[in-house]
Amino acid sequence: MKKALKIPTQPVIIGKIIGAYGILGWVRIISFTEKYSDVFHYKPCFIKPKTVWMSVSLDHWKCIGKKHISKIRGISDRNSAELLNNCEIIIDNKQLPYKNSQEYYWKDIIGCTILTIQGIKLGYVSEIIETGANDVLVVKLLKNDLYTDKDCLIPFIFEKIIKNVILTENIIIVDWDPNF
């Protein structure tokens, strides 16, 4: 009897396979985790080549220069590895470590509405840029109740600029001049 695959109910992308490496089925990996190597420690993880979910095990991994490569259990040649090119590495949201009330995952922030402390709706967070010093919110601006093609960059500096994050309401309150 074959065990049923338990796919993630709340999928979170933590990395991506970007190509084959060598002839023995190794693949090159991009990690989206805070510490680059954390992508290799989540078990189980999944990929979805075409339309079928697959559970994968990143058995071995190593760093070669600035690139990370991994051996996936059951993949033993370059042709099989190439079939996984551009597959996202996915885990279930429940596998992520708990964050305290002052910490947020990017996935929780993207899509939040941005309100100024005066109650003006600026727009929504379309993406986040990591600068090294602090993260920066890319806000898709709202004008006359329509989203524009213009973005506003707001540094994610808690207390000084970011006054409150209310994830239950999908709102971030900022001390920001909308005419800036």
N, C-alpha and C. Protein backbone atom coordinates (compact mmCIF):
# COMPACT_ATOMS: atom_id res chain seq x y z
N MET A 1 0.84 -1.17 0.00
CA MET A 1 0.00 0.00 0.00
C MET A 1 0.89 1.24 0.00
N LYS A 2 0.63 2.15 -0.94
CA LYS A 2 1.42 3.36 -1.07
C LYS A 2 0.88 4.43 -0.12
N LYS A 3 1.81 5.09 0.61
CA LYS A 3 1.43 6.14 1.55
C LYS A 3 1.02 7.40 0.78
N ALA A 4 -0.10 8.00 1.16
CA ALA A 4 -0.60 9.20 0.48
C ALA A 4 0.33 10.38 0.77
N LEU A 5 0.59 11.16 -0.26
CA LEU A 5 1.43 12.35 -0.13
C LEU A 5 0.63 13.45 0.56
N LYS A 6 1.16 13.96 1.65
CA LYS A 6 0.50 15.03 2.39
C LYS A 6 1.10 16.36 1.94
N ILE A 7 0.43 17.00 1.00
CA ILE A 7 0.94 18.25 0.44
C ILE A 7 0.68 19.41 1.41
N PRO A 8 1.48 20.48 1.32
CA PRO A 8 1.31 21.61 2.24
C PRO A 8 -0.05 22.29 2.05
N THR A 9 -0.72 22.55 3.18
CA THR A 9 -2.00 23.26 3.11
C THR A 9 -1.77 24.77 3.04
N GLN A 10 -0.64 25.23 3.59
CA GLN A 10 -0.26 26.64 3.52
C GLN A 10 1.17 26.70 2.99
N PRO A 11 1.35 26.57 1.66
CA PRO A 11 2.69 26.50 1.10
C PRO A 11 3.48 27.80 1.23
N VAL A 12 4.77 27.64 1.54
CA VAL A 12 5.70 28.76 1.62
C VAL A 12 6.93 28.39 0.79
N ILE A 13 7.30 29.27 -0.13
CA ILE A 13 8.46 29.03 -0.98
C ILE A 13 9.71 29.43 -0.21
N ILE A 14 10.65 28.49 -0.05
CA ILE A 14 11.88 28.77 0.69
C ILE A 14 13.13 28.72 -0.18
N GLY A 15 12.96 28.36 -1.45
CA GLY A 15 14.11 28.29 -2.34
C GLY A 15 13.67 27.90 -3.74
N LYS A 16 14.68 27.76 -4.60
CA LYS A 16 14.39 27.40 -5.99
C LYS A 16 15.55 26.60 -6.56
N ILE A 17 15.21 25.61 -7.35
CA ILE A 17 16.22 24.84 -8.09
C ILE A 17 16.48 25.61 -9.38
N ILE A 18 17.75 25.94 -9.62
CA ILE A 18 18.05 26.78 -10.79
C ILE A 18 18.82 26.06 -11.88
N GLY A 19 19.03 24.77 -11.71
CA GLY A 19 19.70 24.03 -12.78
C GLY A 19 20.43 22.81 -12.26
N ALA A 20 20.86 22.01 -13.21
CA ALA A 20 21.62 20.80 -12.88
C ALA A 20 23.08 21.18 -12.63
N TYR A 21 23.75 20.33 -11.84
CA TYR A 21 25.18 20.55 -11.56
C TYR A 21 25.87 19.20 -11.72
N GLY A 22 26.72 19.09 -12.69
CA GLY A 22 27.45 17.85 -12.92
C GLY A 22 26.59 16.78 -13.56
N ILE A 23 27.10 15.54 -13.56
CA ILE A 23 26.40 14.45 -14.24
C ILE A 23 25.74 13.45 -13.29
N LEU A 24 25.88 13.66 -11.97
CA LEU A 24 25.39 12.69 -11.00
C LEU A 24 24.06 13.07 -10.35
N GLY A 25 23.34 14.04 -10.92
CA GLY A 25 22.01 14.37 -10.42
C GLY A 25 21.98 15.47 -9.37
N TRP A 26 23.08 16.16 -9.13
CA TRP A 26 23.08 17.28 -8.21
C TRP A 26 22.40 18.48 -8.87
N VAL A 27 21.83 19.37 -8.05
CA VAL A 27 21.17 20.57 -8.57
C VAL A 27 21.71 21.81 -7.87
N ARG A 28 21.64 22.95 -8.58
CA ARG A 28 22.01 24.23 -7.99
C ARG A 28 20.77 24.81 -7.33
N ILE A 29 20.95 25.42 -6.15
CA ILE A 29 19.85 25.91 -5.33
C ILE A 29 20.03 27.39 -5.03
N ILE A 30 18.93 28.15 -5.08
CA ILE A 30 18.88 29.50 -4.52
C ILE A 30 18.02 29.40 -3.27
N SER A 31 18.51 29.93 -2.17
CA SER A 31 17.77 29.90 -0.91
C SER A 31 17.12 31.24 -0.66
N PHE A 32 15.86 31.22 -0.20
CA PHE A 32 15.16 32.44 0.18
C PHE A 32 15.07 32.56 1.70
N THR A 33 15.78 31.69 2.42
CA THR A 33 15.74 31.74 3.88
C THR A 33 16.73 32.78 4.38
N GLU A 34 16.52 33.24 5.63
CA GLU A 34 17.38 34.29 6.19
C GLU A 34 18.83 33.83 6.23
N LYS A 35 19.08 32.67 6.81
CA LYS A 35 20.41 32.06 6.74
C LYS A 35 20.37 31.11 5.55
N TYR A 36 21.24 31.33 4.60
CA TYR A 36 21.19 30.63 3.32
C TYR A 36 21.06 29.12 3.47
N SER A 37 21.81 28.53 4.40
CA SER A 37 21.81 27.08 4.52
C SER A 37 20.56 26.50 5.17
N ASP A 38 19.71 27.34 5.75
CA ASP A 38 18.48 26.84 6.39
C ASP A 38 17.57 26.10 5.41
N VAL A 39 17.64 26.43 4.14
CA VAL A 39 16.79 25.77 3.15
C VAL A 39 17.01 24.25 3.17
N PHE A 40 18.17 23.81 3.57
CA PHE A 40 18.50 22.38 3.56
C PHE A 40 18.04 21.65 4.81
N HIS A 41 17.54 22.35 5.80
CA HIS A 41 17.19 21.73 7.07
C HIS A 41 15.70 21.45 7.25
N TYR A 42 14.86 21.93 6.34
CA TYR A 42 13.42 21.68 6.46
C TYR A 42 13.07 20.32 5.90
N LYS A 43 12.35 19.55 6.69
CA LYS A 43 11.90 18.22 6.28
C LYS A 43 10.45 18.07 6.71
N PRO A 44 9.55 17.68 5.88
CA PRO A 44 9.74 17.45 4.45
C PRO A 44 9.69 18.77 3.67
N CYS A 45 10.21 18.71 2.47
CA CYS A 45 10.02 19.82 1.55
C CYS A 45 9.49 19.25 0.24
N PHE A 46 8.94 20.13 -0.55
CA PHE A 46 8.22 19.70 -1.74
C PHE A 46 8.65 20.51 -2.95
N ILE A 47 8.44 19.94 -4.11
CA ILE A 47 8.57 20.66 -5.37
C ILE A 47 7.33 20.31 -6.20
N LYS A 48 7.08 21.09 -7.20
CA LYS A 48 5.90 20.85 -8.03
C LYS A 48 6.27 20.99 -9.50
N PRO A 49 6.99 19.97 -10.03
CA PRO A 49 7.28 20.03 -11.46
C PRO A 49 5.98 19.85 -12.24
N LYS A 50 5.74 20.75 -13.14
CA LYS A 50 4.47 20.79 -13.91
C LYS A 50 3.30 20.91 -12.95
N THR A 51 2.46 19.90 -12.80
CA THR A 51 1.27 20.03 -11.95
C THR A 51 1.22 19.02 -10.81
N VAL A 52 2.26 18.22 -10.67
CA VAL A 52 2.25 17.15 -9.67
C VAL A 52 3.18 17.49 -8.50
N TRP A 53 2.65 17.42 -7.28
CA TRP A 53 3.45 17.66 -6.09
C TRP A 53 4.36 16.46 -5.85
N MET A 54 5.61 16.73 -5.44
CA MET A 54 6.55 15.67 -5.07
C MET A 54 7.22 16.04 -3.75
N SER A 55 7.31 15.07 -2.86
CA SER A 55 8.09 15.26 -1.64
C SER A 55 9.53 14.95 -1.99
N VAL A 56 10.44 15.83 -1.60
CA VAL A 56 11.86 15.61 -1.90
C VAL A 56 12.69 15.70 -0.63
N SER A 57 13.79 15.01 -0.67
CA SER A 57 14.74 15.06 0.43
C SER A 57 16.06 15.58 -0.10
N LEU A 58 16.49 16.73 0.41
CA LEU A 58 17.79 17.30 0.03
C LEU A 58 18.84 16.61 0.90
N ASP A 59 19.30 15.43 0.44
CA ASP A 59 20.15 14.57 1.25
C ASP A 59 21.51 15.19 1.58
N HIS A 60 22.18 15.65 0.59
CA HIS A 60 23.52 16.21 0.78
C HIS A 60 23.56 17.58 0.14
N TRP A 61 24.36 18.47 0.71
CA TRP A 61 24.52 19.78 0.12
C TRP A 61 25.89 20.32 0.45
N LYS A 62 26.35 21.23 -0.38
CA LYS A 62 27.63 21.88 -0.12
C LYS A 62 27.68 23.21 -0.86
N CYS A 63 28.59 24.02 -0.39
CA CYS A 63 28.80 25.34 -0.97
C CYS A 63 30.04 25.29 -1.85
N ILE A 64 29.90 25.73 -3.08
CA ILE A 64 31.03 25.82 -4.00
C ILE A 64 31.11 27.27 -4.45
N GLY A 65 32.07 27.99 -3.88
CA GLY A 65 32.15 29.43 -4.12
C GLY A 65 30.93 30.09 -3.50
N LYS A 66 30.16 30.80 -4.31
CA LYS A 66 28.93 31.45 -3.82
C LYS A 66 27.70 30.63 -4.20
N LYS A 67 27.89 29.45 -4.76
CA LYS A 67 26.77 28.63 -5.19
C LYS A 67 26.56 27.49 -4.20
N HIS A 68 25.31 27.11 -4.02
CA HIS A 68 24.97 25.95 -3.19
C HIS A 68 24.41 24.87 -4.10
N ILE A 69 24.88 23.66 -3.88
CA ILE A 69 24.38 22.54 -4.66
C ILE A 69 23.85 21.48 -3.69
N SER A 70 22.94 20.66 -4.19
CA SER A 70 22.34 19.64 -3.34
C SER A 70 22.08 18.38 -4.14
N LYS A 71 22.10 17.26 -3.45
CA LYS A 71 21.75 15.97 -4.02
C LYS A 71 20.36 15.63 -3.52
N ILE A 72 19.43 15.42 -4.44
CA ILE A 72 18.07 15.05 -4.10
C ILE A 72 17.95 13.54 -4.18
N ARG A 73 17.41 12.95 -3.13
CA ARG A 73 17.22 11.50 -3.09
C ARG A 73 16.41 11.05 -4.30
N GLY A 74 16.90 10.03 -5.00
CA GLY A 74 16.19 9.47 -6.15
C GLY A 74 16.57 10.09 -7.48
N ILE A 75 17.33 11.16 -7.47
CA ILE A 75 17.78 11.80 -8.71
C ILE A 75 19.26 11.44 -8.87
N SER A 76 19.57 10.67 -9.92
CA SER A 76 20.94 10.15 -10.02
C SER A 76 21.65 10.51 -11.32
N ASP A 77 21.01 11.29 -12.20
CA ASP A 77 21.70 11.68 -13.43
C ASP A 77 21.31 13.10 -13.83
N ARG A 78 22.08 13.67 -14.70
CA ARG A 78 21.89 15.06 -15.10
C ARG A 78 20.52 15.27 -15.77
N ASN A 79 20.09 14.33 -16.61
CA ASN A 79 18.80 14.49 -17.31
C ASN A 79 17.65 14.60 -16.31
N SER A 80 17.65 13.77 -15.29
CA SER A 80 16.60 13.83 -14.26
C SER A 80 16.67 15.14 -13.49
N ALA A 81 17.89 15.59 -13.20
CA ALA A 81 18.08 16.85 -12.48
C ALA A 81 17.59 18.03 -13.31
N GLU A 82 17.83 18.01 -14.61
CA GLU A 82 17.40 19.11 -15.48
C GLU A 82 15.88 19.24 -15.53
N LEU A 83 15.15 18.15 -15.33
CA LEU A 83 13.69 18.19 -15.32
C LEU A 83 13.15 19.00 -14.14
N LEU A 84 13.99 19.21 -13.11
CA LEU A 84 13.57 19.95 -11.92
C LEU A 84 13.95 21.43 -11.99
N ASN A 85 14.57 21.85 -13.10
CA ASN A 85 14.99 23.23 -13.26
C ASN A 85 13.80 24.18 -13.08
N ASN A 86 14.00 25.24 -12.32
CA ASN A 86 13.00 26.28 -12.01
C ASN A 86 11.90 25.82 -11.06
N CYS A 87 12.03 24.65 -10.46
CA CYS A 87 11.04 24.22 -9.46
C CYS A 87 11.31 24.97 -8.15
N GLU A 88 10.23 25.46 -7.56
CA GLU A 88 10.34 26.12 -6.26
C GLU A 88 10.40 25.06 -5.17
N ILE A 89 11.18 25.32 -4.12
CA ILE A 89 11.26 24.44 -2.97
C ILE A 89 10.27 24.97 -1.95
N ILE A 90 9.34 24.11 -1.54
CA ILE A 90 8.18 24.55 -0.76
C ILE A 90 8.08 23.75 0.54
N ILE A 91 7.70 24.43 1.60
CA ILE A 91 7.37 23.77 2.86
C ILE A 91 5.99 24.25 3.30
N ASP A 92 5.47 23.64 4.35
CA ASP A 92 4.21 24.11 4.91
C ASP A 92 4.50 25.21 5.92
N ASN A 93 3.65 26.20 5.96
CA ASN A 93 3.78 27.33 6.88
C ASN A 93 4.00 26.88 8.33
N LYS A 94 3.40 25.75 8.71
CA LYS A 94 3.51 25.26 10.09
C LYS A 94 4.94 24.86 10.45
N GLN A 95 5.79 24.64 9.47
CA GLN A 95 7.17 24.26 9.73
C GLN A 95 8.07 25.44 10.10
N LEU A 96 7.60 26.65 9.85
CA LEU A 96 8.42 27.83 10.15
C LEU A 96 8.51 28.04 11.66
N PRO A 97 9.65 28.49 12.14
CA PRO A 97 9.80 28.77 13.57
C PRO A 97 8.86 29.89 14.00
N TYR A 98 8.43 29.82 15.24
CA TYR A 98 7.56 30.86 15.82
C TYR A 98 8.31 32.17 15.87
N LYS A 99 7.63 33.25 15.55
CA LYS A 99 8.20 34.60 15.66
C LYS A 99 7.48 35.33 16.77
N ASN A 100 8.21 36.21 17.49
CA ASN A 100 7.55 36.99 18.54
C ASN A 100 6.77 38.14 17.90
N SER A 101 6.11 38.94 18.70
CA SER A 101 5.21 39.97 18.18
C SER A 101 5.94 41.09 17.43
N GLN A 102 7.25 41.19 17.55
CA GLN A 102 8.01 42.22 16.84
C GLN A 102 8.76 41.68 15.63
N GLU A 103 8.54 40.42 15.29
CA GLU A 103 9.20 39.81 14.14
C GLU A 103 8.14 39.34 13.16
N TYR A 104 8.48 39.44 11.86
CA TYR A 104 7.51 39.09 10.82
C TYR A 104 8.23 38.37 9.69
N TYR A 105 7.52 37.46 9.10
CA TYR A 105 8.00 36.86 7.86
C TYR A 105 7.58 37.77 6.72
N TRP A 106 8.41 37.84 5.69
CA TRP A 106 8.08 38.67 4.54
C TRP A 106 6.73 38.28 3.96
N LYS A 107 6.43 36.99 3.94
CA LYS A 107 5.16 36.52 3.37
C LYS A 107 3.96 37.12 4.11
N ASP A 108 4.15 37.46 5.40
CA ASP A 108 3.07 38.06 6.19
C ASP A 108 2.89 39.54 5.89
N ILE A 109 3.95 40.20 5.46
CA ILE A 109 3.95 41.64 5.22
C ILE A 109 3.48 41.97 3.81
N ILE A 110 3.86 41.14 2.83
CA ILE A 110 3.49 41.41 1.43
C ILE A 110 1.97 41.36 1.30
N GLY A 111 1.42 42.39 0.71
CA GLY A 111 -0.03 42.50 0.54
C GLY A 111 -0.70 43.36 1.59
N CYS A 112 0.03 43.69 2.67
CA CYS A 112 -0.57 44.54 3.71
C CYS A 112 -0.83 45.95 3.18
N THR A 113 -1.93 46.54 3.65
CA THR A 113 -2.27 47.92 3.33
C THR A 113 -1.42 48.84 4.19
N ILE A 114 -0.92 49.90 3.58
CA ILE A 114 -0.11 50.89 4.30
C ILE A 114 -0.98 52.11 4.60
N LEU A 115 -1.09 52.43 5.88
CA LEU A 115 -1.81 53.62 6.34
C LEU A 115 -0.83 54.54 7.06
N THR A 116 -0.97 55.85 6.84
CA THR A 116 -0.15 56.80 7.60
C THR A 116 -0.76 56.97 8.98
N ILE A 117 -0.01 57.60 9.89
CA ILE A 117 -0.55 57.85 11.23
C ILE A 117 -1.72 58.82 11.18
N GLN A 118 -1.86 59.54 10.06
CA GLN A 118 -3.01 60.44 9.87
C GLN A 118 -4.22 59.71 9.30
N GLY A 119 -4.06 58.41 8.99
CA GLY A 119 -5.17 57.62 8.46
C GLY A 119 -5.28 57.62 6.94
N ILE A 120 -4.26 58.14 6.25
CA ILE A 120 -4.27 58.18 4.78
C ILE A 120 -3.79 56.82 4.25
N LYS A 121 -4.56 56.25 3.34
CA LYS A 121 -4.19 54.97 2.74
C LYS A 121 -3.22 55.24 1.59
N LEU A 122 -1.96 54.77 1.76
CA LEU A 122 -0.93 55.00 0.73
C LEU A 122 -0.99 53.97 -0.39
N GLY A 123 -1.28 52.72 -0.04
CA GLY A 123 -1.25 51.64 -1.01
C GLY A 123 -1.06 50.32 -0.30
N TYR A 124 -0.37 49.40 -0.97
CA TYR A 124 -0.10 48.09 -0.36
C TYR A 124 1.34 47.67 -0.63
N VAL A 125 1.86 46.78 0.20
CA VAL A 125 3.22 46.29 0.05
C VAL A 125 3.24 45.26 -1.08
N SER A 126 3.97 45.57 -2.15
CA SER A 126 4.05 44.66 -3.29
C SER A 126 5.27 43.74 -3.19
N GLU A 127 6.31 44.21 -2.53
CA GLU A 127 7.50 43.38 -2.32
C GLU A 127 8.36 44.01 -1.24
N ILE A 128 9.41 43.31 -0.86
CA ILE A 128 10.33 43.80 0.16
C ILE A 128 11.75 43.64 -0.38
N ILE A 129 12.56 44.66 -0.17
CA ILE A 129 13.95 44.64 -0.61
C ILE A 129 14.83 44.53 0.63
N GLU A 130 15.78 43.62 0.59
CA GLU A 130 16.74 43.48 1.68
C GLU A 130 17.97 44.30 1.32
N THR A 131 18.29 45.31 2.13
CA THR A 131 19.42 46.20 1.81
C THR A 131 20.65 45.93 2.65
N GLY A 132 20.52 45.15 3.69
CA GLY A 132 21.63 44.93 4.60
C GLY A 132 21.44 45.72 5.87
N ALA A 133 21.22 47.03 5.73
CA ALA A 133 21.01 47.88 6.92
C ALA A 133 19.63 47.62 7.50
N ASN A 134 18.62 47.63 6.65
CA ASN A 134 17.24 47.33 7.05
C ASN A 134 16.46 46.95 5.80
N ASP A 135 15.35 46.27 6.01
CA ASP A 135 14.49 45.93 4.88
C ASP A 135 13.74 47.17 4.43
N VAL A 136 13.34 47.18 3.16
CA VAL A 136 12.62 48.31 2.59
C VAL A 136 11.33 47.79 1.96
N LEU A 137 10.20 48.40 2.35
CA LEU A 137 8.91 48.05 1.78
C LEU A 137 8.75 48.74 0.44
N VAL A 138 8.37 48.00 -0.58
CA VAL A 138 8.02 48.58 -1.87
C VAL A 138 6.50 48.68 -1.87
N VAL A 139 6.00 49.91 -1.85
CA VAL A 139 4.57 50.15 -1.72
C VAL A 139 4.00 50.60 -3.06
N LYS A 140 3.03 49.84 -3.56
CA LYS A 140 2.30 50.22 -4.78
C LYS A 140 1.33 51.31 -4.38
N LEU A 141 1.53 52.52 -4.93
CA LEU A 141 0.79 53.69 -4.49
C LEU A 141 -0.65 53.72 -5.00
N LEU A 142 -1.50 54.32 -4.17
CA LEU A 142 -2.92 54.48 -4.45
C LEU A 142 -3.18 55.96 -4.71
N LYS A 143 -3.91 56.27 -5.79
CA LYS A 143 -4.28 57.66 -6.07
C LYS A 143 -5.70 57.65 -6.62
N ASN A 144 -6.57 58.42 -6.00
CA ASN A 144 -7.98 58.48 -6.39
C ASN A 144 -8.61 57.09 -6.43
N ASP A 145 -8.35 56.31 -5.40
CA ASP A 145 -8.88 54.95 -5.24
C ASP A 145 -8.44 53.97 -6.32
N LEU A 146 -7.38 54.29 -7.07
CA LEU A 146 -6.83 53.39 -8.07
C LEU A 146 -5.34 53.20 -7.81
N TYR A 147 -4.86 51.97 -7.98
CA TYR A 147 -3.43 51.72 -7.82
C TYR A 147 -2.71 52.23 -9.06
N THR A 148 -1.62 52.94 -8.84
CA THR A 148 -0.84 53.51 -9.94
C THR A 148 0.31 52.57 -10.28
N ASP A 149 1.09 52.97 -11.29
CA ASP A 149 2.27 52.19 -11.63
C ASP A 149 3.50 52.72 -10.88
N LYS A 150 3.26 53.63 -9.94
CA LYS A 150 4.35 54.21 -9.16
C LYS A 150 4.50 53.48 -7.83
N ASP A 151 5.76 53.36 -7.41
CA ASP A 151 6.08 52.73 -6.14
C ASP A 151 6.70 53.76 -5.20
N CYS A 152 6.55 53.48 -3.92
CA CYS A 152 7.18 54.28 -2.88
C CYS A 152 8.01 53.34 -2.03
N LEU A 153 9.22 53.71 -1.70
CA LEU A 153 10.09 52.88 -0.88
C LEU A 153 10.07 53.41 0.55
N ILE A 154 9.69 52.53 1.48
CA ILE A 154 9.61 52.92 2.89
C ILE A 154 10.51 52.00 3.71
N PRO A 155 11.51 52.54 4.39
CA PRO A 155 12.38 51.70 5.22
C PRO A 155 11.60 51.04 6.36
N PHE A 156 11.86 49.76 6.58
CA PHE A 156 11.18 49.05 7.66
C PHE A 156 11.98 49.25 8.94
N ILE A 157 11.83 50.44 9.53
CA ILE A 157 12.51 50.79 10.78
C ILE A 157 11.42 50.94 11.83
N PHE A 158 11.36 49.92 12.70
CA PHE A 158 10.29 49.88 13.69
C PHE A 158 10.44 51.02 14.68
N GLU A 159 9.33 51.57 15.10
CA GLU A 159 9.16 52.69 16.03
C GLU A 159 9.40 54.03 15.35
N LYS A 160 10.49 54.17 14.60
CA LYS A 160 10.76 55.45 13.96
C LYS A 160 9.83 55.68 12.77
N ILE A 161 9.69 54.71 11.89
CA ILE A 161 8.83 54.85 10.70
C ILE A 161 7.65 53.89 10.77
N ILE A 162 7.91 52.64 11.07
CA ILE A 162 6.85 51.64 11.19
C ILE A 162 6.30 51.73 12.61
N LYS A 163 5.09 52.24 12.73
CA LYS A 163 4.50 52.45 14.05
C LYS A 163 3.75 51.23 14.58
N ASN A 164 3.12 50.49 13.68
CA ASN A 164 2.37 49.32 14.13
C ASN A 164 2.15 48.39 12.95
N VAL A 165 2.22 47.10 13.22
CA VAL A 165 1.90 46.08 12.24
C VAL A 165 0.76 45.27 12.83
N ILE A 166 -0.38 45.30 12.15
CA ILE A 166 -1.56 44.59 12.63
C ILE A 166 -1.88 43.50 11.60
N LEU A 167 -1.24 42.35 11.77
CA LEU A 167 -1.39 41.28 10.79
C LEU A 167 -2.81 40.75 10.71
N THR A 168 -3.54 40.79 11.83
CA THR A 168 -4.92 40.29 11.81
C THR A 168 -5.81 41.13 10.91
N GLU A 169 -5.43 42.39 10.69
CA GLU A 169 -6.20 43.28 9.81
C GLU A 169 -5.46 43.56 8.51
N ASN A 170 -4.27 42.96 8.34
CA ASN A 170 -3.47 43.15 7.14
C ASN A 170 -3.10 44.63 6.92
N ILE A 171 -2.71 45.31 8.02
CA ILE A 171 -2.44 46.75 7.99
C ILE A 171 -1.07 47.04 8.62
N ILE A 172 -0.36 47.98 8.01
CA ILE A 172 0.87 48.52 8.58
C ILE A 172 0.68 50.03 8.69
N ILE A 173 0.89 50.57 9.89
CA ILE A 173 0.76 52.01 10.11
C ILE A 173 2.15 52.62 10.13
N VAL A 174 2.33 53.68 9.32
CA VAL A 174 3.64 54.29 9.16
C VAL A 174 3.60 55.78 9.45
N ASP A 175 4.72 56.30 9.92
CA ASP A 175 4.90 57.74 10.06
C ASP A 175 5.62 58.18 8.78
N TRP A 176 4.84 58.53 7.78
CA TRP A 176 5.40 58.81 6.46
C TRP A 176 4.58 59.89 5.78
N ASP A 177 5.25 60.85 5.20
CA ASP A 177 4.57 61.93 4.48
C ASP A 177 4.22 61.41 3.09
N PRO A 178 2.93 61.34 2.76
CA PRO A 178 2.54 60.82 1.44
C PRO A 178 3.03 61.68 0.28
N ASN A 179 3.44 62.90 0.55
CA ASN A 179 3.94 63.77 -0.52
C ASN A 179 5.46 63.72 -0.63
N PHE A 180 6.09 62.83 0.12
CA PHE A 180 7.55 62.74 0.17
C PHE A 180 8.11 62.35 -1.16
